[in-house]
Amino acid sequence: MLIFAIVGLGCIAGYLANAILGGGMYPRNWTEVLVAGVAGSFVGGLLASLIAGDGLKIRPSGLIGSILGAVIVLVVWRAIKSRRA
């Protein structure tokens, strides 16, 4: 059940991050959205622990942190992808 919750939260966070970055309401690559959402959760948790002064603790974050982390992941991912093309 926990895996379904992680995948669901990651998909929602990635979808919202994609919409924030102008990807539209219907993403072309759902795998990219899902991976960005799940990875974004951990990036958001890392940023939250750095801001809180806890050091470099990697931990999952809530929905807001996941969306912010997914935006960062998508920006980096798209920059790398455009550089390769």
Protein backbone atom coordinates (compact mmCIF):
# COMPACT_ATOMS: atom_id res chain seq x y z
CA MET A 1 0.00 0.00 0.00
CA LEU A 2 2.90 2.35 0.75
CA ILE A 3 4.28 1.86 -2.76
CA PHE A 4 0.93 2.88 -4.28
CA ALA A 5 0.90 6.00 -2.11
CA ILE A 6 4.45 6.92 -3.17
CA VAL A 7 3.64 6.38 -6.84
CA GLY A 8 0.35 8.30 -6.54
CA LEU A 9 1.94 11.25 -4.74
CA GLY A 10 4.84 11.24 -7.20
CA CYS A 11 2.48 11.23 -10.17
CA ILE A 12 0.44 14.12 -8.76
CA ALA A 13 3.54 16.15 -7.89
CA GLY A 14 5.12 15.51 -11.28
CA TYR A 15 1.90 16.36 -13.10
CA LEU A 16 1.55 19.65 -11.23
CA ALA A 17 5.23 20.50 -11.76
CA ASN A 18 4.82 19.79 -15.48
CA ALA A 19 1.77 22.08 -15.59
CA ILE A 20 3.68 24.83 -13.73
CA LEU A 21 6.50 24.64 -16.28
CA GLY A 22 4.08 24.98 -19.19
CA GLY A 23 3.94 21.32 -20.19
CA GLY A 24 0.20 21.49 -20.66
CA MET A 25 -2.64 19.53 -19.14
CA TYR A 26 -1.77 16.33 -21.03
CA PRO A 27 1.90 15.40 -20.62
CA ARG A 28 3.54 13.55 -23.51
CA ASN A 29 5.81 11.44 -21.33
CA TRP A 30 4.15 10.07 -18.19
CA THR A 31 7.31 8.22 -17.18
CA GLU A 32 9.20 11.51 -17.01
CA VAL A 33 6.39 13.01 -14.92
CA LEU A 34 6.33 10.06 -12.50
CA VAL A 35 10.11 9.89 -12.06
CA ALA A 36 10.32 13.67 -11.61
CA GLY A 37 7.59 13.53 -8.96
CA VAL A 38 9.17 10.73 -6.93
CA ALA A 39 12.69 12.15 -7.25
CA GLY A 40 11.28 15.60 -6.53
CA SER A 41 9.95 14.38 -3.22
CA PHE A 42 13.45 13.52 -2.10
CA VAL A 43 14.94 16.72 -3.56
CA GLY A 44 12.28 18.71 -1.69
CA GLY A 45 13.07 16.80 1.51
CA LEU A 46 16.78 17.50 1.06
CA LEU A 47 16.10 21.21 0.58
CA ALA A 48 13.83 21.26 3.63
CA SER A 49 16.50 19.62 5.80
CA LEU A 50 19.13 22.07 4.53
CA ILE A 51 16.88 25.04 5.30
CA ALA A 52 16.04 23.64 8.73
CA GLY A 53 19.75 23.20 9.51
CA ASP A 54 19.62 19.39 9.77
CA GLY A 55 22.44 18.90 7.29
CA LEU A 56 22.30 16.66 4.24
CA LYS A 57 19.52 14.30 5.31
CA ILE A 58 17.69 12.76 2.37
CA ARG A 59 14.06 12.18 3.26
CA PRO A 60 10.72 12.33 1.48
CA SER A 61 8.71 15.53 1.79
CA GLY A 62 5.05 16.44 1.64
CA LEU A 63 3.08 17.53 -1.39
CA ILE A 64 4.38 21.11 -1.52
CA GLY A 65 8.01 20.02 -1.15
CA SER A 66 7.45 17.29 -3.73
CA ILE A 67 6.07 19.78 -6.25
CA LEU A 68 8.98 22.20 -5.69
CA GLY A 69 11.47 19.36 -5.96
CA ALA A 70 9.78 18.03 -9.09
CA VAL A 71 9.99 21.47 -10.70
CA ILE A 72 13.74 21.48 -10.00
CA VAL A 73 14.14 17.93 -11.33
CA LEU A 74 12.17 18.70 -14.50
CA VAL A 75 14.14 21.88 -15.19
CA VAL A 76 17.45 20.02 -14.84
CA TRP A 77 16.15 17.02 -16.82
CA ARG A 78 14.93 19.19 -19.71
CA ALA A 79 18.17 21.21 -19.73
CA ILE A 80 20.20 18.01 -20.04
CA LYS A 81 17.86 16.62 -22.68
CA SER A 82 18.00 19.80 -24.78
CA ARG A 83 21.79 19.89 -24.52
CA ARG A 84 22.04 16.33 -25.88
CA ALA A 85 19.72 17.03 -28.81
